[in-house]
Amino acid sequence: MQETATYNATPRLTVRISRSALSFSTIVNRDGKNQIDYEPYTLKNGISMAANLREAIRTVTMLREAQRVQVLIDTPVLMVPADLFREQEQQALYGHAFPGRAQETILHNVLPDLSCVAVFSVNRDLKTVISDRFSDVRYVCSSAPVWRHLHQRSYTGVRGKLYGYFHDGRLEIFNYAQNRFKFYNAFDTSNARDALYFLLYVWQQLMLKAEQDELHIVGDIPEREWLLEELRRYVKRAYIINPAGDFNRAAVTQISGIPYDLMTLYVKGR
């Protein structure tokens, strides 16, 4: 039976899982103010992410009493237009797009404000560890808060906008046309020169205008000053999004090492 991943806007605990990182965060009330507790977990080499999470459940204080969790998963995403999505077809579609994932459970998030469905996967062993420990679990694409937030930003001004989000050794590139993605793709890279190529290639594909349209990058940007300088050789309006400015200096933006998608989740609430 296929499972639907439902977005939970007010989680008691958020578990974020990528290929090479694991973290836990939650909202706590201190002195009448909501604050974020964020705890990255140091992974042990040579064992699976499922085994690492099992060990974390045993040792991390934040996980001991939690039952209701939201799991942010960073795995390859297949975007399907909402009017073409059929749940019974998602397994086959995802398998064609991303071969070699037969041992994973296929889930999806409906993104009504973007008129699409994001199909993604969760390792079955990892999912079993989560299900065995927590009684109420919701799975979400880790980038979903970023997609929604930057979609709203895209309405600012009349210029076309291309976005690049760097995280977990991956670069997601996307832009919007009205209430949907016009383009979305992701590239495995932590190299600034490769990122420059991907960004400019997509810019050219979309026939964006070098003198008029905008290119915004955000996240864990490699060689950020060099990359921005090189982008501006070809694109007049290239910018780095500063999370503190983007979110009006919200306290979560001051937490060292916290990914931009988690910041967006806690500031925007979805």
C-alpha atoms as a PDB file:
ATOM      1  CA  MET A   1       0.000   0.000   0.000  1.00  0.00           C
ATOM      2  CA  GLN A   2       1.329   3.433  -0.930  1.00  0.00           C
ATOM      3  CA  GLU A   3       1.628   6.099   1.727  1.00  0.00           C
ATOM      4  CA  THR A   4       0.944   9.806   1.516  1.00  0.00           C
ATOM      5  CA  ALA A   5       3.337  12.155   3.278  1.00  0.00           C
ATOM      6  CA  THR A   6       1.282  14.896   4.907  1.00  0.00           C
ATOM      7  CA  TYR A   7       2.827  18.236   5.821  1.00  0.00           C
ATOM      8  CA  ASN A   8       2.533  19.099   9.508  1.00  0.00           C
ATOM      9  CA  ALA A   9       2.904  22.847  10.114  1.00  0.00           C
ATOM     10  CA  THR A  10       3.339  22.703  13.897  1.00  0.00           C
ATOM     11  CA  PRO A  11       5.526  19.723  14.781  1.00  0.00           C
ATOM     12  CA  ARG A  12       6.641  19.081  18.332  1.00  0.00           C
ATOM     13  CA  LEU A  13       9.889  17.650  17.007  1.00  0.00           C
ATOM     14  CA  THR A  14      11.539  17.857  13.600  1.00  0.00           C
ATOM     15  CA  VAL A  15      13.977  15.194  12.444  1.00  0.00           C
ATOM     16  CA  ARG A  16      15.932  16.252   9.349  1.00  0.00           C
ATOM     17  CA  ILE A  17      17.681  13.495   7.394  1.00  0.00           C
ATOM     18  CA  SER A  18      19.905  13.809   4.333  1.00  0.00           C
ATOM     19  CA  ARG A  19      22.529  11.568   2.769  1.00  0.00           C
ATOM     20  CA  SER A  20      25.245  12.776   5.133  1.00  0.00           C
ATOM     21  CA  ALA A  21      23.540  14.664   7.960  1.00  0.00           C
ATOM     22  CA  LEU A  22      21.071  14.077  10.766  1.00  0.00           C
ATOM     23  CA  SER A  23      19.649  16.690  13.101  1.00  0.00           C
ATOM     24  CA  PHE A  24      16.853  17.250  15.599  1.00  0.00           C
ATOM     25  CA  SER A  25      15.045  20.466  16.437  1.00  0.00           C
ATOM     26  CA  THR A  26      11.994  21.626  18.324  1.00  0.00           C
ATOM     27  CA  ILE A  27      10.224  24.728  19.571  1.00  0.00           C
ATOM     28  CA  VAL A  28      10.564  25.304  23.321  1.00  0.00           C
ATOM     29  CA  ASN A  29       9.103  28.028  25.491  1.00  0.00           C
ATOM     30  CA  ARG A  30      11.602  29.825  27.713  1.00  0.00           C
ATOM     31  CA  ASP A  31      10.584  32.843  29.776  1.00  0.00           C
ATOM     32  CA  GLY A  32       7.411  33.217  27.745  1.00  0.00           C
ATOM     33  CA  LYS A  33       9.273  33.242  24.427  1.00  0.00           C
ATOM     34  CA  ASN A  34       9.340  30.537  21.773  1.00  0.00           C
ATOM     35  CA  GLN A  35      12.897  29.464  20.962  1.00  0.00           C
ATOM     36  CA  ILE A  36      14.406  26.758  18.775  1.00  0.00           C
ATOM     37  CA  ASP A  37      16.512  23.956  20.190  1.00  0.00           C
ATOM     38  CA  TYR A  38      18.668  22.597  17.353  1.00  0.00           C
ATOM     39  CA  GLU A  39      20.964  19.595  17.753  1.00  0.00           C
ATOM     40  CA  PRO A  40      23.029  18.211  14.845  1.00  0.00           C
ATOM     41  CA  TYR A  41      24.024  14.585  15.344  1.00  0.00           C
ATOM     42  CA  THR A  42      27.562  13.374  14.631  1.00  0.00           C
ATOM     43  CA  LEU A  43      27.210  10.372  12.330  1.00  0.00           C
ATOM     44  CA  LYS A  44      29.271   7.244  12.871  1.00  0.00           C
ATOM     45  CA  ASN A  45      31.127   6.108   9.774  1.00  0.00           C
ATOM     46  CA  GLY A  46      30.627   2.597   8.496  1.00  0.00           C
ATOM     47  CA  ILE A  47      27.019   2.170   9.600  1.00  0.00           C
ATOM     48  CA  SER A  48      23.774   3.059   7.864  1.00  0.00           C
ATOM     49  CA  MET A  49      21.646   6.128   8.507  1.00  0.00           C
ATOM     50  CA  ALA A  50      19.035   3.815  10.048  1.00  0.00           C
ATOM     51  CA  ALA A  51      21.624   2.493  12.510  1.00  0.00           C
ATOM     52  CA  ASN A  52      22.756   6.034  13.306  1.00  0.00           C
ATOM     53  CA  LEU A  53      19.188   7.103  14.015  1.00  0.00           C
ATOM     54  CA  ARG A  54      18.630   4.049  16.212  1.00  0.00           C
ATOM     55  CA  GLU A  55      21.702   5.036  18.236  1.00  0.00           C
ATOM     56  CA  ALA A  56      20.531   8.652  18.420  1.00  0.00           C
ATOM     57  CA  ILE A  57      17.142   7.554  19.754  1.00  0.00           C
ATOM     58  CA  ARG A  58      18.984   5.759  22.538  1.00  0.00           C
ATOM     59  CA  THR A  59      21.302   8.650  23.471  1.00  0.00           C
ATOM     60  CA  VAL A  60      19.807  12.026  22.482  1.00  0.00           C
ATOM     61  CA  THR A  61      17.739  13.656  25.233  1.00  0.00           C
ATOM     62  CA  MET A  62      15.482  15.502  22.782  1.00  0.00           C
ATOM     63  CA  LEU A  63      14.193  12.182  21.393  1.00  0.00           C
ATOM     64  CA  ARG A  64      13.423  10.385  24.627  1.00  0.00           C
ATOM     65  CA  GLU A  65       9.859  11.554  25.206  1.00  0.00           C
ATOM     66  CA  ALA A  66       8.817  12.742  21.739  1.00  0.00           C
ATOM     67  CA  GLN A  67       5.995  10.839  20.058  1.00  0.00           C
ATOM     68  CA  ARG A  68       4.754  13.309  17.457  1.00  0.00           C
ATOM     69  CA  VAL A  69       7.416  14.092  14.852  1.00  0.00           C
ATOM     70  CA  GLN A  70       7.881  15.614  11.460  1.00  0.00           C
ATOM     71  CA  VAL A  71      10.603  14.031   9.333  1.00  0.00           C
ATOM     72  CA  LEU A  72      12.257  16.244   6.729  1.00  0.00           C
ATOM     73  CA  ILE A  73      13.770  13.950   4.102  1.00  0.00           C
ATOM     74  CA  ASP A  74      16.367  15.007   1.555  1.00  0.00           C
ATOM     75  CA  THR A  75      16.185  12.515  -1.307  1.00  0.00           C
ATOM     76  CA  PRO A  76      15.788  13.006  -5.080  1.00  0.00           C
ATOM     77  CA  VAL A  77      12.422  14.553  -5.948  1.00  0.00           C
ATOM     78  CA  LEU A  78      10.189  13.980  -8.960  1.00  0.00           C
ATOM     79  CA  MET A  79       7.847  16.918  -9.613  1.00  0.00           C
ATOM     80  CA  VAL A  80       4.512  15.950 -11.177  1.00  0.00           C
ATOM     81  CA  PRO A  81       1.842  18.466 -12.239  1.00  0.00           C
ATOM     82  CA  ALA A  82      -1.115  18.107  -9.881  1.00  0.00           C
ATOM     83  CA  ASP A  83      -3.612  17.471 -12.684  1.00  0.00           C
ATOM     84  CA  LEU A  84      -1.474  14.593 -14.036  1.00  0.00           C
ATOM     85  CA  PHE A  85      -0.657  12.906 -10.729  1.00  0.00           C
ATOM     86  CA  ARG A  86      -2.047   9.425 -10.048  1.00  0.00           C
ATOM     87  CA  GLU A  87      -1.004   7.855  -6.772  1.00  0.00           C
ATOM     88  CA  GLN A  88      -1.115   4.334  -8.212  1.00  0.00           C
ATOM     89  CA  GLU A  89       1.481   5.388 -10.802  1.00  0.00           C
ATOM     90  CA  GLN A  90       3.982   7.083  -8.483  1.00  0.00           C
ATOM     91  CA  GLN A  91       6.082   3.955  -7.850  1.00  0.00           C
ATOM     92  CA  ALA A  92       6.615   3.339 -11.565  1.00  0.00           C
ATOM     93  CA  LEU A  93       7.220   6.997 -12.376  1.00  0.00           C
ATOM     94  CA  TYR A  94       9.776   7.420  -9.609  1.00  0.00           C
ATOM     95  CA  GLY A  95      11.518   4.171 -10.556  1.00  0.00           C
ATOM     96  CA  HIS A  96      11.921   5.360 -14.136  1.00  0.00           C
ATOM     97  CA  ALA A  97      13.259   8.750 -13.041  1.00  0.00           C
ATOM     98  CA  PHE A  98      15.576   7.393 -10.324  1.00  0.00           C
ATOM     99  CA  PRO A  99      16.558   3.754 -10.943  1.00  0.00           C
ATOM    100  CA  GLY A 100      18.102   1.614  -8.218  1.00  0.00           C
ATOM    101  CA  ARG A 101      15.757   2.584  -5.390  1.00  0.00           C
ATOM    102  CA  ALA A 102      13.759  -0.640  -5.156  1.00  0.00           C
ATOM    103  CA  GLN A 103      14.467  -0.909  -1.414  1.00  0.00           C
ATOM    104  CA  GLU A 104      12.818   2.432  -0.675  1.00  0.00           C
ATOM    105  CA  THR A 105       9.246   3.433   0.110  1.00  0.00           C
ATOM    106  CA  ILE A 106       7.787   6.006  -2.276  1.00  0.00           C
ATOM    107  CA  LEU A 107       5.887   8.909  -0.719  1.00  0.00           C
ATOM    108  CA  HIS A 108       4.513  12.209  -1.962  1.00  0.00           C
ATOM    109  CA  ASN A 109       3.668  15.712  -0.791  1.00  0.00           C
ATOM    110  CA  VAL A 110       0.843  17.620  -2.439  1.00  0.00           C
ATOM    111  CA  LEU A 111       1.853  21.270  -2.956  1.00  0.00           C
ATOM    112  CA  PRO A 112      -1.433  22.988  -3.841  1.00  0.00           C
ATOM    113  CA  ASP A 113       0.030  26.496  -3.927  1.00  0.00           C
ATOM    114  CA  LEU A 114       2.446  25.292  -6.611  1.00  0.00           C
ATOM    115  CA  SER A 115      -0.079  23.099  -8.458  1.00  0.00           C
ATOM    116  CA  CYS A 116       2.211  20.081  -8.247  1.00  0.00           C
ATOM    117  CA  VAL A 117       3.016  16.934  -6.305  1.00  0.00           C
ATOM    118  CA  ALA A 118       6.543  16.188  -5.069  1.00  0.00           C
ATOM    119  CA  VAL A 119       7.289  12.450  -5.172  1.00  0.00           C
ATOM    120  CA  PHE A 120      10.250  11.244  -3.113  1.00  0.00           C
ATOM    121  CA  SER A 121      11.568   8.166  -1.309  1.00  0.00           C
ATOM    122  CA  VAL A 122      12.471   6.978   2.182  1.00  0.00           C
ATOM    123  CA  ASN A 123      14.798   4.087   2.916  1.00  0.00           C
ATOM    124  CA  ARG A 124      12.704   1.224   4.283  1.00  0.00           C
ATOM    125  CA  ASP A 125      15.052   0.361   7.160  1.00  0.00           C
ATOM    126  CA  LEU A 126      15.128   4.016   8.172  1.00  0.00           C
ATOM    127  CA  LYS A 127      11.360   4.229   7.987  1.00  0.00           C
ATOM    128  CA  THR A 128      11.029   1.132  10.165  1.00  0.00           C
ATOM    129  CA  VAL A 129      13.248   2.678  12.872  1.00  0.00           C
ATOM    130  CA  ILE A 130      11.117   5.828  12.813  1.00  0.00           C
ATOM    131  CA  SER A 131       7.800   3.957  12.885  1.00  0.00           C
ATOM    132  CA  ASP A 132       8.934   1.727  15.746  1.00  0.00           C
ATOM    133  CA  ARG A 133       9.893   4.697  17.923  1.00  0.00           C
ATOM    134  CA  PHE A 134       7.306   7.396  17.153  1.00  0.00           C
ATOM    135  CA  SER A 135       3.546   7.073  17.182  1.00  0.00           C
ATOM    136  CA  ASP A 136       2.672  10.013  14.904  1.00  0.00           C
ATOM    137  CA  VAL A 137       4.963  10.602  11.927  1.00  0.00           C
ATOM    138  CA  ARG A 138       4.686  12.996   8.975  1.00  0.00           C
ATOM    139  CA  TYR A 139       7.177  12.908   6.095  1.00  0.00           C
ATOM    140  CA  VAL A 140       8.052  16.055   4.126  1.00  0.00           C
ATOM    141  CA  CYS A 141      10.536  16.929   1.371  1.00  0.00           C
ATOM    142  CA  SER A 142      13.172  18.954   3.177  1.00  0.00           C
ATOM    143  CA  SER A 143      13.106  21.696   0.524  1.00  0.00           C
ATOM    144  CA  ALA A 144       9.318  22.170   0.540  1.00  0.00           C
ATOM    145  CA  PRO A 145       9.446  25.199   2.894  1.00  0.00           C
ATOM    146  CA  VAL A 146      12.058  26.809   0.619  1.00  0.00           C
ATOM    147  CA  TRP A 147      10.017  26.203  -2.537  1.00  0.00           C
ATOM    148  CA  ARG A 148       6.967  27.824  -0.959  1.00  0.00           C
ATOM    149  CA  HIS A 149       8.842  30.799   0.471  1.00  0.00           C
ATOM    150  CA  LEU A 150      10.775  31.597  -2.694  1.00  0.00           C
ATOM    151  CA  HIS A 151       7.602  31.204  -4.724  1.00  0.00           C
ATOM    152  CA  GLN A 152       6.132  34.056  -2.684  1.00  0.00           C
ATOM    153  CA  ARG A 153       9.337  36.076  -3.166  1.00  0.00           C
ATOM    154  CA  SER A 154       9.069  35.579  -6.917  1.00  0.00           C
ATOM    155  CA  TYR A 155       6.054  37.920  -6.979  1.00  0.00           C
ATOM    156  CA  THR A 156       8.223  40.845  -5.846  1.00  0.00           C
ATOM    157  CA  GLY A 157       8.818  43.116  -8.827  1.00  0.00           C
ATOM    158  CA  VAL A 158       8.269  42.384 -12.499  1.00  0.00           C
ATOM    159  CA  ARG A 159      11.594  40.716 -13.368  1.00  0.00           C
ATOM    160  CA  GLY A 160      11.982  37.002 -13.990  1.00  0.00           C
ATOM    161  CA  LYS A 161      13.816  35.165 -11.205  1.00  0.00           C
ATOM    162  CA  LEU A 162      15.937  32.026 -11.103  1.00  0.00           C
ATOM    163  CA  TYR A 163      16.802  30.458  -7.741  1.00  0.00           C
ATOM    164  CA  GLY A 164      19.630  28.166  -6.662  1.00  0.00           C
ATOM    165  CA  TYR A 165      19.481  26.426  -3.287  1.00  0.00           C
ATOM    166  CA  PHE A 166      22.704  24.751  -2.071  1.00  0.00           C
ATOM    167  CA  HIS A 167      22.462  22.059   0.605  1.00  0.00           C
ATOM    168  CA  ASP A 168      23.884  18.647   1.466  1.00  0.00           C
ATOM    169  CA  GLY A 169      26.200  18.526  -1.550  1.00  0.00           C
ATOM    170  CA  ARG A 170      23.344  19.291  -3.915  1.00  0.00           C
ATOM    171  CA  LEU A 171      22.226  22.305  -5.916  1.00  0.00           C
ATOM    172  CA  GLU A 172      18.515  22.712  -6.635  1.00  0.00           C
ATOM    173  CA  ILE A 173      17.703  25.165  -9.435  1.00  0.00           C
ATOM    174  CA  PHE A 174      14.158  26.353 -10.057  1.00  0.00           C
ATOM    175  CA  ASN A 175      11.910  29.168 -11.151  1.00  0.00           C
ATOM    176  CA  TYR A 176       8.196  29.816 -11.315  1.00  0.00           C
ATOM    177  CA  ALA A 177       5.500  30.873 -13.703  1.00  0.00           C
ATOM    178  CA  GLN A 178       2.439  32.083 -11.806  1.00  0.00           C
ATOM    179  CA  ASN A 179       1.317  29.311  -9.404  1.00  0.00           C
ATOM    180  CA  ARG A 180       3.583  26.515 -10.556  1.00  0.00           C
ATOM    181  CA  PHE A 181       7.153  25.513 -11.238  1.00  0.00           C
ATOM    182  CA  LYS A 182       8.328  26.507 -14.682  1.00  0.00           C
ATOM    183  CA  PHE A 183      11.611  24.653 -14.143  1.00  0.00           C
ATOM    184  CA  TYR A 184      13.002  22.378 -11.437  1.00  0.00           C
ATOM    185  CA  ASN A 185      16.113  20.213 -11.384  1.00  0.00           C
ATOM    186  CA  ALA A 186      18.784  19.181  -8.889  1.00  0.00           C
ATOM    187  CA  PHE A 187      22.482  18.520  -9.404  1.00  0.00           C
ATOM    188  CA  ASP A 188      24.946  16.726  -7.153  1.00  0.00           C
ATOM    189  CA  THR A 189      27.797  19.158  -6.618  1.00  0.00           C
ATOM    190  CA  SER A 190      29.726  20.925  -3.888  1.00  0.00           C
ATOM    191  CA  ASN A 191      32.077  22.516  -6.435  1.00  0.00           C
ATOM    192  CA  ALA A 192      31.652  26.211  -7.218  1.00  0.00           C
ATOM    193  CA  ARG A 193      32.803  25.842 -10.820  1.00  0.00           C
ATOM    194  CA  ASP A 194      30.316  23.090 -11.538  1.00  0.00           C
ATOM    195  CA  ALA A 195      27.607  25.143  -9.841  1.00  0.00           C
ATOM    196  CA  LEU A 196      28.464  28.127 -12.052  1.00  0.00           C
ATOM    197  CA  TYR A 197      28.062  25.956 -15.135  1.00  0.00           C
ATOM    198  CA  PHE A 198      24.718  24.497 -14.014  1.00  0.00           C
ATOM    199  CA  LEU A 199      23.260  27.884 -13.075  1.00  0.00           C
ATOM    200  CA  LEU A 200      24.274  29.590 -16.303  1.00  0.00           C
ATOM    201  CA  TYR A 201      23.196  26.622 -18.430  1.00  0.00           C
ATOM    202  CA  VAL A 202      19.703  26.697 -16.910  1.00  0.00           C
ATOM    203  CA  TRP A 203      19.620  30.500 -17.248  1.00  0.00           C
ATOM    204  CA  GLN A 204      20.326  30.094 -20.941  1.00  0.00           C
ATOM    205  CA  GLN A 205      17.782  27.261 -21.331  1.00  0.00           C
ATOM    206  CA  LEU A 206      15.051  29.443 -19.884  1.00  0.00           C
ATOM    207  CA  MET A 207      16.077  32.372 -22.107  1.00  0.00           C
ATOM    208  CA  LEU A 208      16.285  34.749 -19.167  1.00  0.00           C
ATOM    209  CA  LYS A 209      17.624  38.232 -19.895  1.00  0.00           C
ATOM    210  CA  ALA A 210      21.132  39.028 -18.620  1.00  0.00           C
ATOM    211  CA  GLU A 211      20.430  42.749 -18.166  1.00  0.00           C
ATOM    212  CA  GLN A 212      16.948  42.524 -16.705  1.00  0.00           C
ATOM    213  CA  ASP A 213      16.151  39.266 -14.888  1.00  0.00           C
ATOM    214  CA  GLU A 214      17.464  38.147 -11.500  1.00  0.00           C
ATOM    215  CA  LEU A 215      19.436  35.170 -10.170  1.00  0.00           C
ATOM    216  CA  HIS A 216      19.298  34.442  -6.424  1.00  0.00           C
ATOM    217  CA  ILE A 217      21.397  31.824  -4.613  1.00  0.00           C
ATOM    218  CA  VAL A 218      21.073  30.713  -0.999  1.00  0.00           C
ATOM    219  CA  GLY A 219      22.197  28.045   1.423  1.00  0.00           C
ATOM    220  CA  ASP A 220      25.580  26.375   1.912  1.00  0.00           C
ATOM    221  CA  ILE A 221      27.194  28.107  -1.069  1.00  0.00           C
ATOM    222  CA  PRO A 222      30.716  26.927  -2.016  1.00  0.00           C
ATOM    223  CA  GLU A 223      33.250  29.728  -2.568  1.00  0.00           C
ATOM    224  CA  ARG A 224      30.390  32.167  -2.278  1.00  0.00           C
ATOM    225  CA  GLU A 225      32.261  35.390  -3.086  1.00  0.00           C
ATOM    226  CA  TRP A 226      34.009  33.863  -6.096  1.00  0.00           C
ATOM    227  CA  LEU A 227      30.775  32.343  -7.373  1.00  0.00           C
ATOM    228  CA  LEU A 228      28.863  35.612  -7.034  1.00  0.00           C
ATOM    229  CA  GLU A 229      31.615  37.520  -8.822  1.00  0.00           C
ATOM    230  CA  GLU A 230      31.629  35.019 -11.694  1.00  0.00           C
ATOM    231  CA  LEU A 231      27.847  35.021 -11.990  1.00  0.00           C
ATOM    232  CA  ARG A 232      27.868  38.809 -12.253  1.00  0.00           C
ATOM    233  CA  ARG A 233      30.152  38.582 -15.274  1.00  0.00           C
ATOM    234  CA  TYR A 234      27.166  37.130 -17.148  1.00  0.00           C
ATOM    235  CA  VAL A 235      24.088  38.151 -15.135  1.00  0.00           C
ATOM    236  CA  LYS A 236      23.804  41.772 -14.045  1.00  0.00           C
ATOM    237  CA  ARG A 237      21.368  41.121 -11.197  1.00  0.00           C
ATOM    238  CA  ALA A 238      22.876  38.169  -9.314  1.00  0.00           C
ATOM    239  CA  TYR A 239      22.438  38.095  -5.538  1.00  0.00           C
ATOM    240  CA  ILE A 240      23.103  35.980  -2.445  1.00  0.00           C
ATOM    241  CA  ILE A 241      20.069  35.743  -0.157  1.00  0.00           C
ATOM    242  CA  ASN A 242      21.066  36.616   3.411  1.00  0.00           C
ATOM    243  CA  PRO A 243      18.822  34.595   5.781  1.00  0.00           C
ATOM    244  CA  ALA A 244      19.062  37.189   8.584  1.00  0.00           C
ATOM    245  CA  GLY A 245      17.837  39.910   6.260  1.00  0.00           C
ATOM    246  CA  ASP A 246      15.378  37.611   4.528  1.00  0.00           C
ATOM    247  CA  PHE A 247      13.719  36.729   7.835  1.00  0.00           C
ATOM    248  CA  ASN A 248      14.045  40.081   9.614  1.00  0.00           C
ATOM    249  CA  ARG A 249      16.834  38.860  11.913  1.00  0.00           C
ATOM    250  CA  ALA A 250      14.736  36.069  13.411  1.00  0.00           C
ATOM    251  CA  ALA A 251      16.541  34.268  16.234  1.00  0.00           C
ATOM    252  CA  VAL A 252      16.663  30.984  14.290  1.00  0.00           C
ATOM    253  CA  THR A 253      18.941  32.609  11.686  1.00  0.00           C
ATOM    254  CA  GLN A 254      21.613  33.030  14.366  1.00  0.00           C
ATOM    255  CA  ILE A 255      21.888  29.285  15.070  1.00  0.00           C
ATOM    256  CA  SER A 256      25.213  28.024  13.743  1.00  0.00           C
ATOM    257  CA  GLY A 257      24.978  25.384  11.028  1.00  0.00           C
ATOM    258  CA  ILE A 258      21.197  25.232  10.753  1.00  0.00           C
ATOM    259  CA  PRO A 259      20.079  24.627   7.139  1.00  0.00           C
ATOM    260  CA  TYR A 260      18.099  27.295   5.314  1.00  0.00           C
ATOM    261  CA  ASP A 261      15.129  24.943   4.879  1.00  0.00           C
ATOM    262  CA  LEU A 262      14.833  24.524   8.659  1.00  0.00           C
ATOM    263  CA  MET A 263      15.077  28.286   9.156  1.00  0.00           C
ATOM    264  CA  THR A 264      12.289  28.730   6.613  1.00  0.00           C
ATOM    265  CA  LEU A 265      10.161  26.060   8.267  1.00  0.00           C
ATOM    266  CA  TYR A 266      10.345  27.725  11.673  1.00  0.00           C
ATOM    267  CA  VAL A 267       9.937  31.299  10.440  1.00  0.00           C
ATOM    268  CA  LYS A 268       7.210  30.667   7.874  1.00  0.00           C
ATOM    269  CA  GLY A 269       5.567  27.749   9.658  1.00  0.00           C
ATOM    270  CA  ARG A 270       5.257  25.487   6.613  1.00  0.00           C
END
